[in-house]
Amino acid sequence: MNNDQPDTQEEVVADVATSAFFNITDSIIDAHTAIKVLAITVTAEIGLFAMFFVSKDKVTEFLAESENDNFWIYGSLAIFAIGFLTAFSIYRLVANKWPHPGSHFMIWLVSIGAGLLNLLVFFALITLEMR
């Protein structure tokens, strides 16, 4: 029996998601690919901000419904990924222009921090009242 093969559907899904994520991060190797990823993530970010500012009440109603409990998980992952990939692309652009020691390690820390900050900003937009 080959132990390299996934046993369950969840393991297959996890392997595909991990592979897709690393394919995206590994593909950001030059200015062209970084700008391509930035175009997608910045557009998604602007769309999310617009959704919150135009119809925040509809968003909070949707999230409050009990049948949409799983949306919190998937939405949080998507918002984190948008922030992560935006920072990853910007950092890769900067690191290619001005290389510095430790950039291969720091890119991951900065991108994770940006993803968490993005998640915090959207959580604050949902929970805090705007005057």
N, C-alpha and C. Protein backbone atom coordinates (compact mmCIF):
# COMPACT_ATOMS: atom_id res chain seq x y z
N MET A 1 0.85 -1.18 0.00
CA MET A 1 0.00 0.00 0.00
C MET A 1 0.90 1.24 0.00
N ASN A 2 0.59 2.19 -0.85
CA ASN A 2 1.37 3.41 -0.98
C ASN A 2 0.86 4.45 0.00
N ASN A 3 1.70 4.90 0.93
CA ASN A 3 1.29 5.86 1.94
C ASN A 3 1.30 7.30 1.42
N ASP A 4 1.80 7.50 0.19
CA ASP A 4 1.82 8.84 -0.38
C ASP A 4 0.45 9.27 -0.89
N GLN A 5 -0.44 8.35 -1.12
CA GLN A 5 -1.76 8.65 -1.64
C GLN A 5 -2.69 9.07 -0.50
N PRO A 6 -3.49 10.15 -0.70
CA PRO A 6 -4.44 10.57 0.34
C PRO A 6 -5.53 9.52 0.51
N ASP A 7 -6.01 9.38 1.75
CA ASP A 7 -6.99 8.35 2.06
C ASP A 7 -8.43 8.85 2.00
N THR A 8 -8.66 10.08 2.33
CA THR A 8 -10.03 10.58 2.40
C THR A 8 -10.22 11.76 1.46
N GLN A 9 -11.47 12.11 1.26
CA GLN A 9 -11.81 13.26 0.42
C GLN A 9 -11.23 14.55 1.00
N GLU A 10 -11.25 14.66 2.34
CA GLU A 10 -10.71 15.86 2.98
C GLU A 10 -9.21 16.00 2.71
N GLU A 11 -8.48 14.89 2.71
CA GLU A 11 -7.05 14.93 2.42
C GLU A 11 -6.79 15.32 0.97
N VAL A 12 -7.63 14.83 0.06
CA VAL A 12 -7.49 15.19 -1.35
C VAL A 12 -7.73 16.69 -1.52
N VAL A 13 -8.79 17.21 -0.90
CA VAL A 13 -9.09 18.64 -0.99
C VAL A 13 -7.96 19.46 -0.40
N ALA A 14 -7.42 19.03 0.73
CA ALA A 14 -6.31 19.76 1.37
C ALA A 14 -5.08 19.75 0.47
N ASP A 15 -4.79 18.62 -0.17
CA ASP A 15 -3.64 18.54 -1.07
C ASP A 15 -3.81 19.46 -2.28
N VAL A 16 -5.01 19.51 -2.83
CA VAL A 16 -5.28 20.37 -3.99
C VAL A 16 -5.17 21.84 -3.59
N ALA A 17 -5.74 22.20 -2.44
CA ALA A 17 -5.68 23.60 -1.98
C ALA A 17 -4.25 24.02 -1.70
N THR A 18 -3.47 23.16 -1.06
CA THR A 18 -2.07 23.47 -0.78
C THR A 18 -1.28 23.61 -2.07
N SER A 19 -1.51 22.72 -2.99
CA SER A 19 -0.83 22.77 -4.28
C SER A 19 -1.17 24.04 -5.04
N ALA A 20 -2.45 24.41 -5.04
CA ALA A 20 -2.88 25.63 -5.74
C ALA A 20 -2.27 26.87 -5.10
N PHE A 21 -2.25 26.90 -3.77
CA PHE A 21 -1.69 28.06 -3.07
C PHE A 21 -0.20 28.22 -3.38
N PHE A 22 0.55 27.12 -3.30
CA PHE A 22 1.98 27.22 -3.58
C PHE A 22 2.26 27.47 -5.06
N ASN A 23 1.38 27.03 -5.94
CA ASN A 23 1.53 27.37 -7.36
C ASN A 23 1.40 28.87 -7.57
N ILE A 24 0.48 29.50 -6.85
CA ILE A 24 0.33 30.95 -6.98
C ILE A 24 1.55 31.67 -6.43
N THR A 25 1.98 31.30 -5.22
CA THR A 25 3.13 32.01 -4.63
C THR A 25 4.42 31.73 -5.41
N ASP A 26 4.58 30.53 -5.92
CA ASP A 26 5.78 30.21 -6.69
C ASP A 26 5.78 30.88 -8.06
N SER A 27 4.60 31.25 -8.56
CA SER A 27 4.53 31.87 -9.88
C SER A 27 4.89 33.35 -9.85
N ILE A 28 4.90 33.96 -8.68
CA ILE A 28 5.23 35.38 -8.57
C ILE A 28 6.75 35.51 -8.54
N ILE A 29 7.34 35.56 -9.75
CA ILE A 29 8.80 35.57 -9.84
C ILE A 29 9.35 36.85 -10.45
N ASP A 30 8.52 37.63 -11.11
CA ASP A 30 9.00 38.86 -11.74
C ASP A 30 7.92 39.93 -11.63
N ALA A 31 8.21 41.10 -12.17
CA ALA A 31 7.28 42.22 -12.06
C ALA A 31 5.96 41.93 -12.76
N HIS A 32 6.00 41.26 -13.91
CA HIS A 32 4.77 40.99 -14.66
C HIS A 32 3.81 40.12 -13.85
N THR A 33 4.30 39.02 -13.30
CA THR A 33 3.40 38.13 -12.55
C THR A 33 2.95 38.77 -11.24
N ALA A 34 3.82 39.56 -10.62
CA ALA A 34 3.43 40.24 -9.39
C ALA A 34 2.32 41.25 -9.67
N ILE A 35 2.43 41.98 -10.75
CA ILE A 35 1.40 42.96 -11.10
C ILE A 35 0.10 42.27 -11.49
N LYS A 36 0.21 41.11 -12.12
CA LYS A 36 -0.98 40.35 -12.49
C LYS A 36 -1.74 39.90 -11.23
N VAL A 37 -1.01 39.40 -10.24
CA VAL A 37 -1.65 38.99 -8.98
C VAL A 37 -2.20 40.22 -8.26
N LEU A 38 -1.45 41.31 -8.26
CA LEU A 38 -1.93 42.55 -7.63
C LEU A 38 -3.22 43.06 -8.28
N ALA A 39 -3.32 42.95 -9.58
CA ALA A 39 -4.53 43.40 -10.26
C ALA A 39 -5.75 42.63 -9.77
N ILE A 40 -5.59 41.35 -9.57
CA ILE A 40 -6.70 40.52 -9.11
C ILE A 40 -7.03 40.81 -7.65
N THR A 41 -6.00 40.85 -6.79
CA THR A 41 -6.26 41.02 -5.36
C THR A 41 -6.73 42.43 -5.01
N VAL A 42 -6.19 43.43 -5.67
CA VAL A 42 -6.62 44.80 -5.38
C VAL A 42 -8.06 45.00 -5.87
N THR A 43 -8.40 44.43 -7.00
CA THR A 43 -9.79 44.51 -7.48
C THR A 43 -10.74 43.83 -6.50
N ALA A 44 -10.36 42.68 -5.99
CA ALA A 44 -11.19 41.98 -5.00
C ALA A 44 -11.31 42.80 -3.72
N GLU A 45 -10.22 43.41 -3.30
CA GLU A 45 -10.23 44.24 -2.09
C GLU A 45 -11.16 45.44 -2.27
N ILE A 46 -11.06 46.11 -3.38
CA ILE A 46 -11.93 47.26 -3.66
C ILE A 46 -13.39 46.82 -3.72
N GLY A 47 -13.65 45.67 -4.33
CA GLY A 47 -15.01 45.14 -4.39
C GLY A 47 -15.57 44.84 -3.01
N LEU A 48 -14.75 44.27 -2.13
CA LEU A 48 -15.20 43.98 -0.77
C LEU A 48 -15.48 45.26 0.01
N PHE A 49 -14.58 46.25 -0.10
CA PHE A 49 -14.81 47.52 0.58
C PHE A 49 -16.08 48.18 0.06
N ALA A 50 -16.29 48.16 -1.24
CA ALA A 50 -17.49 48.76 -1.81
C ALA A 50 -18.74 48.05 -1.31
N MET A 51 -18.67 46.72 -1.20
CA MET A 51 -19.81 45.96 -0.71
C MET A 51 -20.16 46.38 0.71
N PHE A 52 -19.14 46.56 1.55
CA PHE A 52 -19.40 46.96 2.92
C PHE A 52 -19.93 48.38 3.02
N PHE A 53 -19.40 49.29 2.23
CA PHE A 53 -19.83 50.68 2.34
C PHE A 53 -21.19 50.92 1.70
N VAL A 54 -21.53 50.18 0.67
CA VAL A 54 -22.80 50.38 -0.01
C VAL A 54 -23.94 49.67 0.72
N SER A 55 -23.70 48.46 1.17
CA SER A 55 -24.80 47.69 1.79
C SER A 55 -24.33 46.90 3.00
N LYS A 56 -23.80 47.60 3.98
CA LYS A 56 -23.33 46.94 5.20
C LYS A 56 -24.47 46.22 5.92
N ASP A 57 -25.66 46.80 5.93
CA ASP A 57 -26.79 46.18 6.61
C ASP A 57 -27.16 44.84 5.97
N LYS A 58 -27.11 44.75 4.65
CA LYS A 58 -27.41 43.49 3.97
C LYS A 58 -26.35 42.43 4.28
N VAL A 59 -25.09 42.86 4.35
CA VAL A 59 -24.00 41.93 4.67
C VAL A 59 -24.17 41.38 6.08
N THR A 60 -24.45 42.25 7.04
CA THR A 60 -24.62 41.77 8.42
C THR A 60 -25.86 40.89 8.56
N GLU A 61 -26.93 41.20 7.84
CA GLU A 61 -28.12 40.34 7.83
C GLU A 61 -27.77 38.95 7.30
N PHE A 62 -27.04 38.92 6.18
CA PHE A 62 -26.65 37.65 5.57
C PHE A 62 -25.78 36.84 6.52
N LEU A 63 -24.82 37.48 7.17
CA LEU A 63 -23.93 36.76 8.08
C LEU A 63 -24.63 36.31 9.36
N ALA A 64 -25.70 36.99 9.75
CA ALA A 64 -26.41 36.64 10.97
C ALA A 64 -27.32 35.43 10.80
N GLU A 65 -27.69 35.08 9.56
CA GLU A 65 -28.58 33.94 9.33
C GLU A 65 -27.86 32.65 9.69
N SER A 66 -28.60 31.74 10.32
CA SER A 66 -27.99 30.51 10.82
C SER A 66 -27.51 29.57 9.71
N GLU A 67 -28.14 29.59 8.55
CA GLU A 67 -27.71 28.71 7.47
C GLU A 67 -26.41 29.18 6.81
N ASN A 68 -25.94 30.37 7.15
CA ASN A 68 -24.70 30.90 6.57
C ASN A 68 -23.53 30.84 7.55
N ASP A 69 -23.58 29.91 8.50
CA ASP A 69 -22.51 29.80 9.49
C ASP A 69 -21.16 29.46 8.85
N ASN A 70 -21.16 28.62 7.83
CA ASN A 70 -19.90 28.24 7.19
C ASN A 70 -19.30 29.38 6.37
N PHE A 71 -20.10 30.38 6.05
CA PHE A 71 -19.58 31.50 5.27
C PHE A 71 -18.51 32.26 6.05
N TRP A 72 -18.63 32.30 7.36
CA TRP A 72 -17.60 32.97 8.17
C TRP A 72 -16.24 32.34 7.94
N ILE A 73 -16.20 31.02 7.86
CA ILE A 73 -14.92 30.32 7.67
C ILE A 73 -14.37 30.60 6.28
N TYR A 74 -15.18 30.38 5.25
CA TYR A 74 -14.72 30.56 3.88
C TYR A 74 -14.45 32.03 3.56
N GLY A 75 -15.29 32.91 4.06
CA GLY A 75 -15.07 34.33 3.86
C GLY A 75 -13.80 34.81 4.53
N SER A 76 -13.55 34.32 5.73
CA SER A 76 -12.32 34.69 6.44
C SER A 76 -11.09 34.19 5.72
N LEU A 77 -11.16 32.97 5.20
CA LEU A 77 -10.02 32.45 4.43
C LEU A 77 -9.78 33.26 3.17
N ALA A 78 -10.85 33.65 2.49
CA ALA A 78 -10.71 34.44 1.27
C ALA A 78 -10.14 35.82 1.56
N ILE A 79 -10.62 36.46 2.62
CA ILE A 79 -10.13 37.79 2.98
C ILE A 79 -8.67 37.71 3.41
N PHE A 80 -8.31 36.67 4.15
CA PHE A 80 -6.91 36.48 4.53
C PHE A 80 -6.05 36.28 3.28
N ALA A 81 -6.52 35.44 2.37
CA ALA A 81 -5.74 35.15 1.15
C ALA A 81 -5.56 36.40 0.30
N ILE A 82 -6.57 37.25 0.23
CA ILE A 82 -6.45 38.48 -0.55
C ILE A 82 -5.36 39.38 0.05
N GLY A 83 -5.40 39.56 1.36
CA GLY A 83 -4.38 40.38 2.02
C GLY A 83 -3.00 39.77 1.92
N PHE A 84 -2.93 38.45 2.08
CA PHE A 84 -1.65 37.75 2.00
C PHE A 84 -1.04 37.89 0.61
N LEU A 85 -1.82 37.61 -0.42
CA LEU A 85 -1.28 37.66 -1.78
C LEU A 85 -0.96 39.08 -2.23
N THR A 86 -1.72 40.06 -1.74
CA THR A 86 -1.39 41.45 -2.05
C THR A 86 -0.03 41.81 -1.48
N ALA A 87 0.18 41.50 -0.20
CA ALA A 87 1.47 41.80 0.44
C ALA A 87 2.60 40.97 -0.17
N PHE A 88 2.32 39.72 -0.50
CA PHE A 88 3.34 38.85 -1.09
C PHE A 88 3.82 39.42 -2.42
N SER A 89 2.87 39.88 -3.23
CA SER A 89 3.22 40.45 -4.54
C SER A 89 4.01 41.75 -4.40
N ILE A 90 3.55 42.61 -3.50
CA ILE A 90 4.26 43.88 -3.29
C ILE A 90 5.66 43.62 -2.75
N TYR A 91 5.77 42.71 -1.80
CA TYR A 91 7.08 42.40 -1.22
C TYR A 91 8.01 41.81 -2.28
N ARG A 92 7.47 40.95 -3.13
CA ARG A 92 8.29 40.35 -4.18
C ARG A 92 8.77 41.41 -5.17
N LEU A 93 7.90 42.38 -5.47
CA LEU A 93 8.32 43.49 -6.34
C LEU A 93 9.45 44.29 -5.69
N VAL A 94 9.31 44.60 -4.41
CA VAL A 94 10.32 45.37 -3.69
C VAL A 94 11.61 44.57 -3.54
N ALA A 95 11.48 43.30 -3.20
CA ALA A 95 12.67 42.46 -3.01
C ALA A 95 13.43 42.26 -4.31
N ASN A 96 12.73 42.22 -5.44
CA ASN A 96 13.42 42.10 -6.72
C ASN A 96 14.15 43.39 -7.08
N LYS A 97 13.58 44.52 -6.70
CA LYS A 97 14.18 45.82 -6.99
C LYS A 97 15.35 46.12 -6.04
N TRP A 98 15.14 45.88 -4.74
CA TRP A 98 16.16 46.12 -3.72
C TRP A 98 16.34 44.86 -2.88
N PRO A 99 17.14 43.91 -3.36
CA PRO A 99 17.33 42.67 -2.61
C PRO A 99 18.01 42.93 -1.26
N HIS A 100 17.64 42.15 -0.26
CA HIS A 100 18.24 42.25 1.05
C HIS A 100 18.30 40.86 1.68
N PRO A 101 19.23 40.66 2.59
CA PRO A 101 19.36 39.34 3.22
C PRO A 101 18.11 39.00 4.04
N GLY A 102 17.72 37.77 3.97
CA GLY A 102 16.57 37.30 4.72
C GLY A 102 15.24 37.58 4.06
N SER A 103 15.24 38.05 2.82
CA SER A 103 13.97 38.39 2.18
C SER A 103 13.11 37.15 1.91
N HIS A 104 13.76 36.00 1.72
CA HIS A 104 12.99 34.77 1.46
C HIS A 104 12.22 34.32 2.69
N PHE A 105 12.70 34.70 3.86
CA PHE A 105 12.01 34.37 5.10
C PHE A 105 11.01 35.47 5.48
N MET A 106 11.44 36.71 5.33
CA MET A 106 10.61 37.85 5.74
C MET A 106 9.35 37.99 4.89
N ILE A 107 9.41 37.57 3.64
CA ILE A 107 8.23 37.69 2.77
C ILE A 107 7.05 36.93 3.36
N TRP A 108 7.31 35.79 3.94
CA TRP A 108 6.24 34.99 4.53
C TRP A 108 5.69 35.65 5.79
N LEU A 109 6.57 36.17 6.64
CA LEU A 109 6.11 36.82 7.87
C LEU A 109 5.31 38.09 7.58
N VAL A 110 5.81 38.91 6.67
CA VAL A 110 5.11 40.14 6.31
C VAL A 110 3.76 39.82 5.66
N SER A 111 3.73 38.83 4.80
CA SER A 111 2.48 38.48 4.11
C SER A 111 1.45 37.90 5.07
N ILE A 112 1.88 37.07 6.01
CA ILE A 112 0.95 36.53 7.01
C ILE A 112 0.41 37.67 7.87
N GLY A 113 1.28 38.58 8.26
CA GLY A 113 0.83 39.73 9.04
C GLY A 113 -0.17 40.58 8.27
N ALA A 114 0.08 40.79 6.99
CA ALA A 114 -0.85 41.58 6.16
C ALA A 114 -2.18 40.85 5.99
N GLY A 115 -2.14 39.54 5.86
CA GLY A 115 -3.39 38.78 5.75
C GLY A 115 -4.21 38.88 7.03
N LEU A 116 -3.55 38.78 8.18
CA LEU A 116 -4.25 38.92 9.45
C LEU A 116 -4.77 40.34 9.65
N LEU A 117 -3.99 41.33 9.24
CA LEU A 117 -4.44 42.72 9.33
C LEU A 117 -5.66 42.95 8.43
N ASN A 118 -5.65 42.38 7.25
CA ASN A 118 -6.79 42.48 6.33
C ASN A 118 -8.04 41.87 6.97
N LEU A 119 -7.88 40.73 7.60
CA LEU A 119 -8.98 40.08 8.29
C LEU A 119 -9.50 40.95 9.43
N LEU A 120 -8.60 41.56 10.17
CA LEU A 120 -8.98 42.44 11.28
C LEU A 120 -9.74 43.67 10.78
N VAL A 121 -9.30 44.25 9.68
CA VAL A 121 -9.98 45.42 9.12
C VAL A 121 -11.40 45.07 8.71
N PHE A 122 -11.59 43.94 8.04
CA PHE A 122 -12.94 43.57 7.61
C PHE A 122 -13.82 43.18 8.79
N PHE A 123 -13.23 42.56 9.81
CA PHE A 123 -14.00 42.24 11.01
C PHE A 123 -14.44 43.54 11.70
N ALA A 124 -13.53 44.52 11.74
CA ALA A 124 -13.88 45.81 12.35
C ALA A 124 -14.97 46.50 11.53
N LEU A 125 -14.92 46.40 10.22
CA LEU A 125 -15.97 47.01 9.39
C LEU A 125 -17.33 46.38 9.65
N ILE A 126 -17.34 45.09 9.93
CA ILE A 126 -18.61 44.41 10.19
C ILE A 126 -19.15 44.78 11.57
N THR A 127 -18.28 44.82 12.57
CA THR A 127 -18.76 44.95 13.95
C THR A 127 -18.87 46.39 14.43
N LEU A 128 -18.04 47.29 13.94
CA LEU A 128 -18.07 48.66 14.44
C LEU A 128 -19.06 49.51 13.66
N GLU A 129 -19.67 50.45 14.36
CA GLU A 129 -20.63 51.36 13.75
C GLU A 129 -19.90 52.55 13.15
N MET A 130 -20.24 52.90 11.94
CA MET A 130 -19.68 54.09 11.28
C MET A 130 -20.61 55.27 11.58
N ARG A 131 -20.05 56.42 11.84
CA ARG A 131 -20.87 57.61 12.13
C ARG A 131 -20.90 58.52 10.95
